[in-house]
Amino acid sequence: MAVPKKKTSKGKRNQRHATWKAKASVAAQKALSIGKSVLTGRAQGFVYPITENEESEE
């Protein structure tokens, strides 16, 4: 089984955690942006399925 040779410093650990948490923030911003563009009807490169029920109601 693989084990680390030396103890990881607190700074390195905190840096890794900060990077991991920052990815979540970026993903949330992108999701919100895509959601807004879909709702306003200005989505250019985003494809989403439209069910047949929604088409018949309009």
PDB file of N, CA and C in Angstrom:
ATOM      1  N   MET A   1       0.845  -1.178   0.000  1.00  0.00           N
ATOM      2  CA  MET A   1       0.000   0.000   0.000  1.00  0.00           C
ATOM      3  C   MET A   1       0.894   1.246   0.000  1.00  0.00           C
ATOM      4  N   ALA A   2       0.507   2.251  -0.770  1.00  0.00           N
ATOM      5  CA  ALA A   2       1.302   3.468  -0.878  1.00  0.00           C
ATOM      6  C   ALA A   2       1.074   4.372   0.334  1.00  0.00           C
ATOM      7  N   VAL A   3       2.171   4.875   0.870  1.00  0.00           N
ATOM      8  CA  VAL A   3       2.101   5.809   1.994  1.00  0.00           C
ATOM      9  C   VAL A   3       2.981   7.010   1.681  1.00  0.00           C
ATOM     10  N   PRO A   4       2.630   8.193   2.190  1.00  0.00           N
ATOM     11  CA  PRO A   4       3.467   9.367   1.936  1.00  0.00           C
ATOM     12  C   PRO A   4       4.803   9.255   2.665  1.00  0.00           C
ATOM     13  N   LYS A   5       5.856   9.767   2.043  1.00  0.00           N
ATOM     14  CA  LYS A   5       7.194   9.702   2.635  1.00  0.00           C
ATOM     15  C   LYS A   5       7.362  10.730   3.748  1.00  0.00           C
ATOM     16  N   LYS A   6       6.797  11.909   3.556  1.00  0.00           N
ATOM     17  CA  LYS A   6       6.951  12.972   4.551  1.00  0.00           C
ATOM     18  C   LYS A   6       5.588  13.561   4.883  1.00  0.00           C
ATOM     19  N   LYS A   7       5.504  14.185   6.030  1.00  0.00           N
ATOM     20  CA  LYS A   7       4.262  14.822   6.446  1.00  0.00           C
ATOM     21  C   LYS A   7       3.999  16.056   5.597  1.00  0.00           C
ATOM     22  N   THR A   8       2.765  16.209   5.153  1.00  0.00           N
ATOM     23  CA  THR A   8       2.383  17.385   4.375  1.00  0.00           C
ATOM     24  C   THR A   8       2.201  18.567   5.319  1.00  0.00           C
ATOM     25  N   SER A   9       2.738  19.706   4.932  1.00  0.00           N
ATOM     26  CA  SER A   9       2.652  20.891   5.787  1.00  0.00           C
ATOM     27  C   SER A   9       1.228  21.434   5.832  1.00  0.00           C
ATOM     28  N   LYS A  10       0.946  22.192   6.867  1.00  0.00           N
ATOM     29  CA  LYS A  10      -0.391  22.783   7.009  1.00  0.00           C
ATOM     30  C   LYS A  10      -0.678  23.759   5.877  1.00  0.00           C
ATOM     31  N   GLY A  11       0.330  24.495   5.458  1.00  0.00           N
ATOM     32  CA  GLY A  11       0.140  25.456   4.368  1.00  0.00           C
ATOM     33  C   GLY A  11      -0.236  24.772   3.066  1.00  0.00           C
ATOM     34  N   LYS A  12       0.449  23.667   2.777  1.00  0.00           N
ATOM     35  CA  LYS A  12       0.153  22.921   1.549  1.00  0.00           C
ATOM     36  C   LYS A  12      -1.252  22.332   1.610  1.00  0.00           C
ATOM     37  N   ARG A  13      -1.623  21.816   2.784  1.00  0.00           N
ATOM     38  CA  ARG A  13      -2.963  21.249   2.959  1.00  0.00           C
ATOM     39  C   ARG A  13      -4.027  22.334   2.776  1.00  0.00           C
ATOM     40  N   ASN A  14      -3.797  23.495   3.385  1.00  0.00           N
ATOM     41  CA  ASN A  14      -4.771  24.581   3.278  1.00  0.00           C
ATOM     42  C   ASN A  14      -4.884  25.089   1.842  1.00  0.00           C
ATOM     43  N   GLN A  15      -3.760  25.104   1.138  1.00  0.00           N
ATOM     44  CA  GLN A  15      -3.768  25.535  -0.256  1.00  0.00           C
ATOM     45  C   GLN A  15      -4.603  24.577  -1.101  1.00  0.00           C
ATOM     46  N   ARG A  16      -4.454  23.285  -0.846  1.00  0.00           N
ATOM     47  CA  ARG A  16      -5.206  22.288  -1.587  1.00  0.00           C
ATOM     48  C   ARG A  16      -6.701  22.413  -1.302  1.00  0.00           C
ATOM     49  N   HIS A  17      -7.058  22.640  -0.050  1.00  0.00           N
ATOM     50  CA  HIS A  17      -8.470  22.802   0.311  1.00  0.00           C
ATOM     51  C   HIS A  17      -9.053  24.068  -0.314  1.00  0.00           C
ATOM     52  N   ALA A  18      -8.277  25.156  -0.348  1.00  0.00           N
ATOM     53  CA  ALA A  18      -8.762  26.413  -0.919  1.00  0.00           C
ATOM     54  C   ALA A  18      -9.027  26.256  -2.413  1.00  0.00           C
ATOM     55  N   THR A  19      -8.146  25.542  -3.106  1.00  0.00           N
ATOM     56  CA  THR A  19      -8.336  25.297  -4.535  1.00  0.00           C
ATOM     57  C   THR A  19      -9.593  24.479  -4.769  1.00  0.00           C
ATOM     58  N   TRP A  20      -9.791  23.464  -3.948  1.00  0.00           N
ATOM     59  CA  TRP A  20     -10.946  22.588  -4.078  1.00  0.00           C
ATOM     60  C   TRP A  20     -12.247  23.359  -3.858  1.00  0.00           C
ATOM     61  N   LYS A  21     -12.254  24.232  -2.845  1.00  0.00           N
ATOM     62  CA  LYS A  21     -13.462  25.016  -2.566  1.00  0.00           C
ATOM     63  C   LYS A  21     -13.698  26.076  -3.627  1.00  0.00           C
ATOM     64  N   ALA A  22     -12.642  26.625  -4.211  1.00  0.00           N
ATOM     65  CA  ALA A  22     -12.795  27.651  -5.246  1.00  0.00           C
ATOM     66  C   ALA A  22     -13.449  27.066  -6.496  1.00  0.00           C
ATOM     67  N   LYS A  23     -13.178  25.803  -6.790  1.00  0.00           N
ATOM     68  CA  LYS A  23     -13.795  25.162  -7.950  1.00  0.00           C
ATOM     69  C   LYS A  23     -15.313  25.137  -7.810  1.00  0.00           C
ATOM     70  N   ALA A  24     -15.806  24.928  -6.598  1.00  0.00           N
ATOM     71  CA  ALA A  24     -17.252  24.886  -6.375  1.00  0.00           C
ATOM     72  C   ALA A  24     -17.871  26.247  -6.642  1.00  0.00           C
ATOM     73  N   SER A  25     -17.186  27.310  -6.248  1.00  0.00           N
ATOM     74  CA  SER A  25     -17.697  28.659  -6.464  1.00  0.00           C
ATOM     75  C   SER A  25     -17.789  28.977  -7.953  1.00  0.00           C
ATOM     76  N   VAL A  26     -16.769  28.602  -8.704  1.00  0.00           N
ATOM     77  CA  VAL A  26     -16.762  28.843 -10.148  1.00  0.00           C
ATOM     78  C   VAL A  26     -17.873  28.052 -10.827  1.00  0.00           C
ATOM     79  N   ALA A  27     -18.053  26.793 -10.422  1.00  0.00           N
ATOM     80  CA  ALA A  27     -19.097  25.955 -11.016  1.00  0.00           C
ATOM     81  C   ALA A  27     -20.483  26.526 -10.722  1.00  0.00           C
ATOM     82  N   ALA A  28     -20.680  27.055  -9.521  1.00  0.00           N
ATOM     83  CA  ALA A  28     -21.972  27.641  -9.159  1.00  0.00           C
ATOM     84  C   ALA A  28     -22.254  28.888  -9.988  1.00  0.00           C
ATOM     85  N   GLN A  29     -21.238  29.715 -10.212  1.00  0.00           N
ATOM     86  CA  GLN A  29     -21.419  30.918 -11.020  1.00  0.00           C
ATOM     87  C   GLN A  29     -21.766  30.560 -12.465  1.00  0.00           C
ATOM     88  N   LYS A  30     -21.098  29.546 -13.020  1.00  0.00           N
ATOM     89  CA  LYS A  30     -21.388  29.128 -14.385  1.00  0.00           C
ATOM     90  C   LYS A  30     -22.810  28.593 -14.497  1.00  0.00           C
ATOM     91  N   ALA A  31     -23.228  27.796 -13.512  1.00  0.00           N
ATOM     92  CA  ALA A  31     -24.579  27.237 -13.538  1.00  0.00           C
ATOM     93  C   ALA A  31     -25.630  28.335 -13.466  1.00  0.00           C
ATOM     94  N   LEU A  32     -25.390  29.330 -12.629  1.00  0.00           N
ATOM     95  CA  LEU A  32     -26.328  30.443 -12.505  1.00  0.00           C
ATOM     96  C   LEU A  32     -26.396  31.243 -13.800  1.00  0.00           C
ATOM     97  N   SER A  33     -25.249  31.451 -14.421  1.00  0.00           N
ATOM     98  CA  SER A  33     -25.206  32.191 -15.678  1.00  0.00           C
ATOM     99  C   SER A  33     -25.956  31.455 -16.781  1.00  0.00           C
ATOM    100  N   ILE A  34     -25.741  30.146 -16.880  1.00  0.00           N
ATOM    101  CA  ILE A  34     -26.442  29.354 -17.895  1.00  0.00           C
ATOM    102  C   ILE A  34     -27.940  29.361 -17.630  1.00  0.00           C
ATOM    103  N   GLY A  35     -28.327  29.236 -16.374  1.00  0.00           N
ATOM    104  CA  GLY A  35     -29.745  29.262 -16.016  1.00  0.00           C
ATOM    105  C   GLY A  35     -30.408  30.573 -16.391  1.00  0.00           C
ATOM    106  N   LYS A  36     -29.717  31.686 -16.136  1.00  0.00           N
ATOM    107  CA  LYS A  36     -30.274  32.994 -16.484  1.00  0.00           C
ATOM    108  C   LYS A  36     -30.431  33.145 -17.992  1.00  0.00           C
ATOM    109  N   SER A  37     -29.420  32.690 -18.744  1.00  0.00           N
ATOM    110  CA  SER A  37     -29.496  32.840 -20.197  1.00  0.00           C
ATOM    111  C   SER A  37     -30.599  31.965 -20.787  1.00  0.00           C
ATOM    112  N   VAL A  38     -30.822  30.789 -20.210  1.00  0.00           N
ATOM    113  CA  VAL A  38     -31.894  29.922 -20.687  1.00  0.00           C
ATOM    114  C   VAL A  38     -33.252  30.561 -20.403  1.00  0.00           C
ATOM    115  N   LEU A  39     -33.408  31.135 -19.221  1.00  0.00           N
ATOM    116  CA  LEU A  39     -34.689  31.751 -18.863  1.00  0.00           C
ATOM    117  C   LEU A  39     -34.995  32.981 -19.708  1.00  0.00           C
ATOM    118  N   THR A  40     -33.969  33.739 -20.086  1.00  0.00           N
ATOM    119  CA  THR A  40     -34.206  34.929 -20.901  1.00  0.00           C
ATOM    120  C   THR A  40     -34.307  34.597 -22.375  1.00  0.00           C
ATOM    121  N   GLY A  41     -33.951  33.341 -22.745  1.00  0.00           N
ATOM    122  CA  GLY A  41     -34.036  32.939 -24.138  1.00  0.00           C
ATOM    123  C   GLY A  41     -32.846  33.344 -24.970  1.00  0.00           C
ATOM    124  N   ARG A  42     -31.753  33.752 -24.325  1.00  0.00           N
ATOM    125  CA  ARG A  42     -30.575  34.193 -25.068  1.00  0.00           C
ATOM    126  C   ARG A  42     -29.460  33.157 -25.054  1.00  0.00           C
ATOM    127  N   ALA A  43     -29.773  31.911 -24.741  1.00  0.00           N
ATOM    128  CA  ALA A  43     -28.757  30.858 -24.692  1.00  0.00           C
ATOM    129  C   ALA A  43     -28.298  30.536 -26.106  1.00  0.00           C
ATOM    130  N   GLN A  44     -26.994  30.667 -26.371  1.00  0.00           N
ATOM    131  CA  GLN A  44     -26.450  30.417 -27.704  1.00  0.00           C
ATOM    132  C   GLN A  44     -25.918  28.995 -27.840  1.00  0.00           C
ATOM    133  N   GLY A  45     -25.028  28.582 -26.942  1.00  0.00           N
ATOM    134  CA  GLY A  45     -24.376  27.307 -27.105  1.00  0.00           C
ATOM    135  C   GLY A  45     -24.872  26.242 -26.154  1.00  0.00           C
ATOM    136  N   PHE A  46     -26.018  26.438 -25.560  1.00  0.00           N
ATOM    137  CA  PHE A  46     -26.530  25.501 -24.574  1.00  0.00           C
ATOM    138  C   PHE A  46     -27.761  24.824 -25.136  1.00  0.00           C
ATOM    139  N   VAL A  47     -27.734  23.499 -25.214  1.00  0.00           N
ATOM    140  CA  VAL A  47     -28.851  22.737 -25.764  1.00  0.00           C
ATOM    141  C   VAL A  47     -29.540  22.018 -24.621  1.00  0.00           C
ATOM    142  N   TYR A  48     -30.843  22.157 -24.532  1.00  0.00           N
ATOM    143  CA  TYR A  48     -31.592  21.476 -23.489  1.00  0.00           C
ATOM    144  C   TYR A  48     -32.871  20.908 -24.100  1.00  0.00           C
ATOM    145  N   PRO A  49     -33.284  19.751 -23.637  1.00  0.00           N
ATOM    146  CA  PRO A  49     -34.461  19.099 -24.235  1.00  0.00           C
ATOM    147  C   PRO A  49     -35.760  19.818 -23.853  1.00  0.00           C
ATOM    148  N   ILE A  50     -36.664  19.877 -24.791  1.00  0.00           N
ATOM    149  CA  ILE A  50     -37.994  20.436 -24.550  1.00  0.00           C
ATOM    150  C   ILE A  50     -38.989  19.290 -24.663  1.00  0.00           C
ATOM    151  N   THR A  51     -39.755  19.067 -23.610  1.00  0.00           N
ATOM    152  CA  THR A  51     -40.715  17.968 -23.633  1.00  0.00           C
ATOM    153  C   THR A  51     -41.890  18.326 -24.534  1.00  0.00           C
ATOM    154  N   GLU A  52     -42.616  17.332 -24.975  1.00  0.00           N
ATOM    155  CA  GLU A  52     -43.739  17.561 -25.881  1.00  0.00           C
ATOM    156  C   GLU A  52     -44.876  18.309 -25.186  1.00  0.00           C
ATOM    157  N   ASN A  53     -45.015  18.148 -23.873  1.00  0.00           N
ATOM    158  CA  ASN A  53     -46.068  18.844 -23.133  1.00  0.00           C
ATOM    159  C   ASN A  53     -45.866  20.353 -23.181  1.00  0.00           C
ATOM    160  N   GLU A  54     -44.607  20.806 -23.073  1.00  0.00           N
ATOM    161  CA  GLU A  54     -44.352  22.235 -23.103  1.00  0.00           C
ATOM    162  C   GLU A  54     -44.634  22.819 -24.472  1.00  0.00           C
ATOM    163  N   GLU A  55     -44.352  22.080 -25.531  1.00  0.00           N
ATOM    164  CA  GLU A  55     -44.593  22.576 -26.882  1.00  0.00           C
ATOM    165  C   GLU A  55     -46.079  22.708 -27.170  1.00  0.00           C
ATOM    166  N   SER A  56     -46.884  21.769 -26.662  1.00  0.00           N
ATOM    167  CA  SER A  56     -48.316  21.824 -26.937  1.00  0.00           C
ATOM    168  C   SER A  56     -49.020  22.908 -26.132  1.00  0.00           C
ATOM    169  N   GLU A  57     -48.475  23.297 -25.009  1.00  0.00           N
ATOM    170  CA  GLU A  57     -49.095  24.332 -24.187  1.00  0.00           C
ATOM    171  C   GLU A  57     -48.920  25.717 -24.797  1.00  0.00           C
ATOM    172  N   GLU A  58     -47.851  25.917 -25.546  1.00  0.00           N
ATOM    173  CA  GLU A  58     -47.575  27.255 -26.078  1.00  0.00           C
ATOM    174  C   GLU A  58     -48.334  27.564 -27.316  1.00  0.00           C
TER     175      GLU A  58
END
